[in-house]
């Protein structure tokens, strides 16, 4: 279970969870080859973020029965 931390001292009930994932070169290569031609991923971060986002969108669609407005922001 990820560690829970208080985000703001004034809002002690507001908590976030964080997790670190490490993907080795072989895993990234396999992901890239399995998505080849389905997008242009310039970095490992873009590739992994896109796959996680796709999974989250799929879960939301299943839960709500339709696609809902959503945004992903990359720096």
PDB file of N, CA and C in Angstrom:
ATOM      1  N   UNK A   1       0.850  -1.173   0.000  1.00  0.00           N
ATOM      2  CA  UNK A   1       0.000   0.000   0.000  1.00  0.00           C
ATOM      3  C   UNK A   1       0.895   1.236   0.000  1.00  0.00           C
ATOM      4  N   UNK A   2       0.643   2.205  -0.891  1.00  0.00           N
ATOM      5  CA  UNK A   2       1.449   3.422  -0.915  1.00  0.00           C
ATOM      6  C   UNK A   2       1.318   4.197   0.394  1.00  0.00           C
ATOM      7  N   UNK A   3       2.353   4.913   0.725  1.00  0.00           N
ATOM      8  CA  UNK A   3       2.349   5.716   1.934  1.00  0.00           C
ATOM      9  C   UNK A   3       1.398   6.900   1.764  1.00  0.00           C
ATOM     10  N   UNK A   4       0.585   7.161   2.762  1.00  0.00           N
ATOM     11  CA  UNK A   4      -0.335   8.295   2.728  1.00  0.00           C
ATOM     12  C   UNK A   4       0.325   9.477   3.424  1.00  0.00           C
ATOM     13  N   UNK A   5       0.235  10.639   2.814  1.00  0.00           N
ATOM     14  CA  UNK A   5       0.855  11.837   3.364  1.00  0.00           C
ATOM     15  C   UNK A   5      -0.159  12.969   3.416  1.00  0.00           C
ATOM     16  N   UNK A   6      -0.019  13.830   4.416  1.00  0.00           N
ATOM     17  CA  UNK A   6      -0.842  15.034   4.457  1.00  0.00           C
ATOM     18  C   UNK A   6      -0.292  16.012   3.430  1.00  0.00           C
ATOM     19  N   UNK A   7      -1.178  16.548   2.604  1.00  0.00           N
ATOM     20  CA  UNK A   7      -0.754  17.454   1.541  1.00  0.00           C
ATOM     21  C   UNK A   7      -0.607  18.869   2.066  1.00  0.00           C
ATOM     22  N   UNK A   8      -1.625  19.349   2.736  1.00  0.00           N
ATOM     23  CA  UNK A   8      -1.611  20.709   3.272  1.00  0.00           C
ATOM     24  C   UNK A   8      -1.894  20.646   4.768  1.00  0.00           C
ATOM     25  N   UNK A   9      -1.096  21.351   5.580  1.00  0.00           N
ATOM     26  CA  UNK A   9      -1.312  21.296   7.029  1.00  0.00           C
ATOM     27  C   UNK A   9      -2.694  21.819   7.438  1.00  0.00           C
ATOM     28  N   UNK A  10      -3.243  22.783   6.690  1.00  0.00           N
ATOM     29  CA  UNK A  10      -4.548  23.353   7.021  1.00  0.00           C
ATOM     30  C   UNK A  10      -5.700  22.419   6.661  1.00  0.00           C
ATOM     31  N   UNK A  11      -5.431  21.424   5.833  1.00  0.00           N
ATOM     32  CA  UNK A  11      -6.455  20.462   5.413  1.00  0.00           C
ATOM     33  C   UNK A  11      -5.981  19.047   5.737  1.00  0.00           C
ATOM     34  N   UNK A  12      -5.977  18.680   7.022  1.00  0.00           N
ATOM     35  CA  UNK A  12      -5.399  17.388   7.405  1.00  0.00           C
ATOM     36  C   UNK A  12      -6.124  16.174   6.825  1.00  0.00           C
ATOM     37  N   UNK A  13      -7.384  16.331   6.412  1.00  0.00           N
ATOM     38  CA  UNK A  13      -8.112  15.189   5.848  1.00  0.00           C
ATOM     39  C   UNK A  13      -7.776  14.947   4.383  1.00  0.00           C
ATOM     40  N   UNK A  14      -7.141  15.922   3.733  1.00  0.00           N
ATOM     41  CA  UNK A  14      -6.760  15.778   2.335  1.00  0.00           C
ATOM     42  C   UNK A  14      -5.463  14.984   2.268  1.00  0.00           C
ATOM     43  N   UNK A  15      -5.507  13.812   1.645  1.00  0.00           N
ATOM     44  CA  UNK A  15      -4.333  12.946   1.569  1.00  0.00           C
ATOM     45  C   UNK A  15      -4.092  12.533   0.131  1.00  0.00           C
ATOM     46  N   UNK A  16      -2.863  12.218  -0.164  1.00  0.00           N
ATOM     47  CA  UNK A  16      -2.505  11.679  -1.470  1.00  0.00           C
ATOM     48  C   UNK A  16      -1.694  10.403  -1.257  1.00  0.00           C
ATOM     49  N   UNK A  17      -1.658   9.600  -2.283  1.00  0.00           N
ATOM     50  CA  UNK A  17      -0.824   8.398  -2.266  1.00  0.00           C
ATOM     51  C   UNK A  17       0.163   8.517  -3.414  1.00  0.00           C
ATOM     52  N   UNK A  18       1.369   8.086  -3.203  1.00  0.00           N
ATOM     53  CA  UNK A  18       2.353   8.115  -4.287  1.00  0.00           C
ATOM     54  C   UNK A  18       3.035   6.757  -4.377  1.00  0.00           C
ATOM     55  N   UNK A  19       3.423   6.437  -5.580  1.00  0.00           N
ATOM     56  CA  UNK A  19       4.070   5.155  -5.842  1.00  0.00           C
ATOM     57  C   UNK A  19       5.123   5.383  -6.915  1.00  0.00           C
ATOM     58  N   UNK A  20       6.230   4.709  -6.805  1.00  0.00           N
ATOM     59  CA  UNK A  20       7.280   4.801  -7.814  1.00  0.00           C
ATOM     60  C   UNK A  20       7.316   3.493  -8.590  1.00  0.00           C
ATOM     61  N   UNK A  21       7.289   3.614  -9.910  1.00  0.00           N
ATOM     62  CA  UNK A  21       7.374   2.451 -10.776  1.00  0.00           C
ATOM     63  C   UNK A  21       8.662   2.550 -11.577  1.00  0.00           C
ATOM     64  N   UNK A  22       9.372   1.451 -11.694  1.00  0.00           N
ATOM     65  CA  UNK A  22      10.606   1.424 -12.473  1.00  0.00           C
ATOM     66  C   UNK A  22      10.447   0.367 -13.558  1.00  0.00           C
ATOM     67  N   UNK A  23      10.652   0.786 -14.802  1.00  0.00           N
ATOM     68  CA  UNK A  23      10.545  -0.111 -15.943  1.00  0.00           C
ATOM     69  C   UNK A  23      11.935  -0.280 -16.543  1.00  0.00           C
ATOM     70  N   UNK A  24      12.367  -1.505 -16.714  1.00  0.00           N
ATOM     71  CA  UNK A  24      13.695  -1.726 -17.289  1.00  0.00           C
ATOM     72  C   UNK A  24      13.643  -1.572 -18.811  1.00  0.00           C
ATOM     73  N   UNK A  25      14.807  -1.582 -19.435  1.00  0.00           N
ATOM     74  CA  UNK A  25      14.902  -1.363 -20.883  1.00  0.00           C
ATOM     75  C   UNK A  25      14.116  -2.397 -21.687  1.00  0.00           C
ATOM     76  N   UNK A  26      14.145  -3.643 -21.256  1.00  0.00           N
ATOM     77  CA  UNK A  26      13.430  -4.699 -21.982  1.00  0.00           C
ATOM     78  C   UNK A  26      11.924  -4.457 -21.928  1.00  0.00           C
ATOM     79  N   UNK A  27      11.415  -4.070 -20.753  1.00  0.00           N
ATOM     80  CA  UNK A  27       9.979  -3.802 -20.618  1.00  0.00           C
ATOM     81  C   UNK A  27       9.549  -2.638 -21.503  1.00  0.00           C
ATOM     82  N   UNK A  28      10.350  -1.567 -21.521  1.00  0.00           N
ATOM     83  CA  UNK A  28      10.034  -0.413 -22.361  1.00  0.00           C
ATOM     84  C   UNK A  28      10.079  -0.805 -23.832  1.00  0.00           C
ATOM     85  N   UNK A  29      11.067  -1.584 -24.214  1.00  0.00           N
ATOM     86  CA  UNK A  29      11.179  -2.037 -25.599  1.00  0.00           C
ATOM     87  C   UNK A  29       9.962  -2.870 -25.995  1.00  0.00           C
ATOM     88  N   UNK A  30       9.524  -3.751 -25.105  1.00  0.00           N
ATOM     89  CA  UNK A  30       8.340  -4.569 -25.370  1.00  0.00           C
ATOM     90  C   UNK A  30       7.083  -3.713 -25.491  1.00  0.00           C
ATOM     91  N   UNK A  31       6.955  -2.709 -24.626  1.00  0.00           N
ATOM     92  CA  UNK A  31       5.808  -1.802 -24.718  1.00  0.00           C
ATOM     93  C   UNK A  31       5.815  -1.046 -26.044  1.00  0.00           C
ATOM     94  N   UNK A  32       6.988  -0.550 -26.410  1.00  0.00           N
ATOM     95  CA  UNK A  32       7.084   0.197 -27.676  1.00  0.00           C
ATOM     96  C   UNK A  32       6.723  -0.691 -28.861  1.00  0.00           C
ATOM     97  N   UNK A  33       7.216  -1.932 -28.868  1.00  0.00           N
ATOM     98  CA  UNK A  33       6.935  -2.813 -30.006  1.00  0.00           C
ATOM     99  C   UNK A  33       5.461  -3.215 -30.044  1.00  0.00           C
ATOM    100  N   UNK A  34       4.828  -3.331 -28.880  1.00  0.00           N
ATOM    101  CA  UNK A  34       3.412  -3.704 -28.859  1.00  0.00           C
ATOM    102  C   UNK A  34       2.508  -2.539 -29.253  1.00  0.00           C
ATOM    103  N   UNK A  35       3.014  -1.315 -29.188  1.00  0.00           N
ATOM    104  CA  UNK A  35       2.216  -0.146 -29.558  1.00  0.00           C
ATOM    105  C   UNK A  35       2.727   0.495 -30.841  1.00  0.00           C
ATOM    106  N   UNK A  36       3.635  -0.169 -31.517  1.00  0.00           N
ATOM    107  CA  UNK A  36       4.221   0.391 -32.731  1.00  0.00           C
ATOM    108  C   UNK A  36       3.135   0.748 -33.742  1.00  0.00           C
ATOM    109  N   UNK A  37       3.207   1.946 -34.257  1.00  0.00           N
ATOM    110  CA  UNK A  37       2.232   2.398 -35.245  1.00  0.00           C
ATOM    111  C   UNK A  37       0.960   2.943 -34.629  1.00  0.00           C
ATOM    112  N   UNK A  38       0.830   2.868 -33.302  1.00  0.00           N
ATOM    113  CA  UNK A  38      -0.376   3.357 -32.637  1.00  0.00           C
ATOM    114  C   UNK A  38      -0.161   4.713 -31.984  1.00  0.00           C
ATOM    115  N   UNK A  39       1.004   5.278 -32.139  1.00  0.00           N
ATOM    116  CA  UNK A  39       1.294   6.582 -31.541  1.00  0.00           C
ATOM    117  C   UNK A  39       2.770   6.879 -31.618  1.00  0.00           C
ATOM    118  N   UNK A  40       3.090   8.112 -31.416  1.00  0.00           N
ATOM    119  CA  UNK A  40       4.485   8.541 -31.453  1.00  0.00           C
ATOM    120  C   UNK A  40       4.915   8.899 -30.039  1.00  0.00           C
ATOM    121  N   UNK A  41       5.636   8.011 -29.395  1.00  0.00           N
ATOM    122  CA  UNK A  41       6.075   8.231 -28.024  1.00  0.00           C
ATOM    123  C   UNK A  41       7.556   8.590 -28.035  1.00  0.00           C
ATOM    124  N   UNK A  42       7.852   9.824 -27.664  1.00  0.00           N
ATOM    125  CA  UNK A  42       9.228  10.293 -27.704  1.00  0.00           C
ATOM    126  C   UNK A  42      10.026   9.910 -26.469  1.00  0.00           C
ATOM    127  N   UNK A  43       9.357   9.555 -25.399  1.00  0.00           N
ATOM    128  CA  UNK A  43      10.092   9.221 -24.182  1.00  0.00           C
ATOM    129  C   UNK A  43       9.410   8.077 -23.449  1.00  0.00           C
ATOM    130  N   UNK A  44      10.140   7.517 -22.493  1.00  0.00           N
ATOM    131  CA  UNK A  44       9.583   6.460 -21.646  1.00  0.00           C
ATOM    132  C   UNK A  44       8.372   6.983 -20.875  1.00  0.00           C
ATOM    133  N   UNK A  45       8.491   8.203 -20.389  1.00  0.00           N
ATOM    134  CA  UNK A  45       7.421   8.798 -19.588  1.00  0.00           C
ATOM    135  C   UNK A  45       6.148   8.924 -20.415  1.00  0.00           C
ATOM    136  N   UNK A  46       6.276   9.396 -21.657  1.00  0.00           N
ATOM    137  CA  UNK A  46       5.106   9.528 -22.527  1.00  0.00           C
ATOM    138  C   UNK A  46       4.468   8.169 -22.797  1.00  0.00           C
ATOM    139  N   UNK A  47       5.280   7.183 -23.054  1.00  0.00           N
ATOM    140  CA  UNK A  47       4.773   5.845 -23.347  1.00  0.00           C
ATOM    141  C   UNK A  47       3.994   5.280 -22.161  1.00  0.00           C
ATOM    142  N   UNK A  48       4.601   5.304 -20.987  1.00  0.00           N
ATOM    143  CA  UNK A  48       3.971   4.732 -19.798  1.00  0.00           C
ATOM    144  C   UNK A  48       2.750   5.557 -19.391  1.00  0.00           C
ATOM    145  N   UNK A  49       2.847   6.884 -19.439  1.00  0.00           N
ATOM    146  CA  UNK A  49       1.705   7.736 -19.080  1.00  0.00           C
ATOM    147  C   UNK A  49       0.526   7.484 -20.005  1.00  0.00           C
ATOM    148  N   UNK A  50       0.804   7.302 -21.290  1.00  0.00           N
ATOM    149  CA  UNK A  50      -0.263   7.034 -22.251  1.00  0.00           C
ATOM    150  C   UNK A  50      -0.962   5.713 -21.949  1.00  0.00           C
ATOM    151  N   UNK A  51      -0.208   4.692 -21.625  1.00  0.00           N
ATOM    152  CA  UNK A  51      -0.807   3.387 -21.328  1.00  0.00           C
ATOM    153  C   UNK A  51      -1.618   3.420 -20.033  1.00  0.00           C
ATOM    154  N   UNK A  52      -1.107   4.119 -19.019  1.00  0.00           N
ATOM    155  CA  UNK A  52      -1.856   4.255 -17.761  1.00  0.00           C
ATOM    156  C   UNK A  52      -3.135   5.052 -18.012  1.00  0.00           C
ATOM    157  N   UNK A  53      -3.028   6.147 -18.772  1.00  0.00           N
ATOM    158  CA  UNK A  53      -4.195   6.978 -19.082  1.00  0.00           C
ATOM    159  C   UNK A  53      -5.258   6.161 -19.821  1.00  0.00           C
ATOM    160  N   UNK A  54      -4.825   5.358 -20.773  1.00  0.00           N
ATOM    161  CA  UNK A  54      -5.756   4.528 -21.534  1.00  0.00           C
ATOM    162  C   UNK A  54      -6.503   3.575 -20.603  1.00  0.00           C
ATOM    163  N   UNK A  55      -5.802   3.002 -19.647  1.00  0.00           N
ATOM    164  CA  UNK A  55      -6.435   2.087 -18.693  1.00  0.00           C
ATOM    165  C   UNK A  55      -7.434   2.829 -17.803  1.00  0.00           C
ATOM    166  N   UNK A  56      -7.073   4.017 -17.337  1.00  0.00           N
ATOM    167  CA  UNK A  56      -7.975   4.801 -16.487  1.00  0.00           C
ATOM    168  C   UNK A  56      -9.231   5.228 -17.236  1.00  0.00           C
ATOM    169  N   UNK A  57      -9.070   5.628 -18.491  1.00  0.00           N
ATOM    170  CA  UNK A  57     -10.221   6.015 -19.312  1.00  0.00           C
ATOM    171  C   UNK A  57     -11.148   4.813 -19.506  1.00  0.00           C
ATOM    172  N   UNK A  58     -10.569   3.649 -19.760  1.00  0.00           N
ATOM    173  CA  UNK A  58     -11.368   2.435 -19.918  1.00  0.00           C
ATOM    174  C   UNK A  58     -12.146   2.088 -18.662  1.00  0.00           C
ATOM    175  N   UNK A  59     -11.515   2.239 -17.488  1.00  0.00           N
ATOM    176  CA  UNK A  59     -12.199   1.961 -16.225  1.00  0.00           C
ATOM    177  C   UNK A  59     -13.332   2.955 -15.997  1.00  0.00           C
ATOM    178  N   UNK A  60     -13.096   4.226 -16.294  1.00  0.00           N
ATOM    179  CA  UNK A  60     -14.134   5.247 -16.112  1.00  0.00           C
ATOM    180  C   UNK A  60     -15.312   4.984 -17.047  1.00  0.00           C
ATOM    181  N   UNK A  61     -15.019   4.595 -18.283  1.00  0.00           N
ATOM    182  CA  UNK A  61     -16.096   4.299 -19.244  1.00  0.00           C
ATOM    183  C   UNK A  61     -16.929   3.115 -18.768  1.00  0.00           C
ATOM    184  N   UNK A  62     -16.270   2.095 -18.248  1.00  0.00           N
ATOM    185  CA  UNK A  62     -16.979   0.928 -17.731  1.00  0.00           C
ATOM    186  C   UNK A  62     -17.845   1.310 -16.529  1.00  0.00           C
ATOM    187  N   UNK A  63     -17.300   2.115 -15.647  1.00  0.00           N
ATOM    188  CA  UNK A  63     -18.014   2.509 -14.430  1.00  0.00           C
ATOM    189  C   UNK A  63     -19.223   3.384 -14.737  1.00  0.00           C
ATOM    190  N   UNK A  64     -19.075   4.347 -15.665  1.00  0.00           N
ATOM    191  CA  UNK A  64     -20.123   5.331 -15.927  1.00  0.00           C
ATOM    192  C   UNK A  64     -20.933   5.040 -17.188  1.00  0.00           C
ATOM    193  N   UNK A  65     -20.520   4.055 -17.978  1.00  0.00           N
ATOM    194  CA  UNK A  65     -21.266   3.685 -19.161  1.00  0.00           C
ATOM    195  C   UNK A  65     -21.042   4.576 -20.368  1.00  0.00           C
ATOM    196  N   UNK A  66     -20.190   5.564 -20.229  1.00  0.00           N
ATOM    197  CA  UNK A  66     -19.877   6.470 -21.338  1.00  0.00           C
ATOM    198  C   UNK A  66     -18.568   7.173 -21.047  1.00  0.00           C
ATOM    199  N   UNK A  67     -17.993   7.746 -22.076  1.00  0.00           N
ATOM    200  CA  UNK A  67     -16.785   8.546 -21.887  1.00  0.00           C
ATOM    201  C   UNK A  67     -17.167   9.869 -21.242  1.00  0.00           C
ATOM    202  N   UNK A  68     -16.373  10.297 -20.307  1.00  0.00           N
ATOM    203  CA  UNK A  68     -16.588  11.587 -19.651  1.00  0.00           C
ATOM    204  C   UNK A  68     -15.449  12.515 -20.000  1.00  0.00           C
ATOM    205  N   UNK A  69     -15.678  13.824 -19.908  1.00  0.00           N
ATOM    206  CA  UNK A  69     -14.593  14.761 -20.207  1.00  0.00           C
ATOM    207  C   UNK A  69     -13.399  14.501 -19.288  1.00  0.00           C
ATOM    208  N   UNK A  70     -12.208  14.556 -19.843  1.00  0.00           N
ATOM    209  CA  UNK A  70     -11.007  14.326 -19.053  1.00  0.00           C
ATOM    210  C   UNK A  70      -9.828  15.022 -19.717  1.00  0.00           C
ATOM    211  N   UNK A  71      -8.805  15.279 -18.929  1.00  0.00           N
ATOM    212  CA  UNK A  71      -7.623  15.991 -19.401  1.00  0.00           C
ATOM    213  C   UNK A  71      -6.394  15.353 -18.788  1.00  0.00           C
ATOM    214  N   UNK A  72      -5.338  15.249 -19.561  1.00  0.00           N
ATOM    215  CA  UNK A  72      -4.027  14.860 -19.035  1.00  0.00           C
ATOM    216  C   UNK A  72      -3.062  15.967 -19.415  1.00  0.00           C
ATOM    217  N   UNK A  73      -2.231  16.371 -18.485  1.00  0.00           N
ATOM    218  CA  UNK A  73      -1.294  17.455 -18.739  1.00  0.00           C
ATOM    219  C   UNK A  73       0.119  16.940 -18.555  1.00  0.00           C
ATOM    220  N   UNK A  74       0.951  17.227 -19.524  1.00  0.00           N
ATOM    221  CA  UNK A  74       2.362  16.859 -19.429  1.00  0.00           C
ATOM    222  C   UNK A  74       3.193  18.127 -19.411  1.00  0.00           C
ATOM    223  N   UNK A  75       4.201  18.127 -18.618  1.00  0.00           N
ATOM    224  CA  UNK A  75       5.083  19.310 -18.545  1.00  0.00           C
ATOM    225  C   UNK A  75       6.172  19.221 -19.562  1.00  0.00           C
TER     226      UNK A  75
END
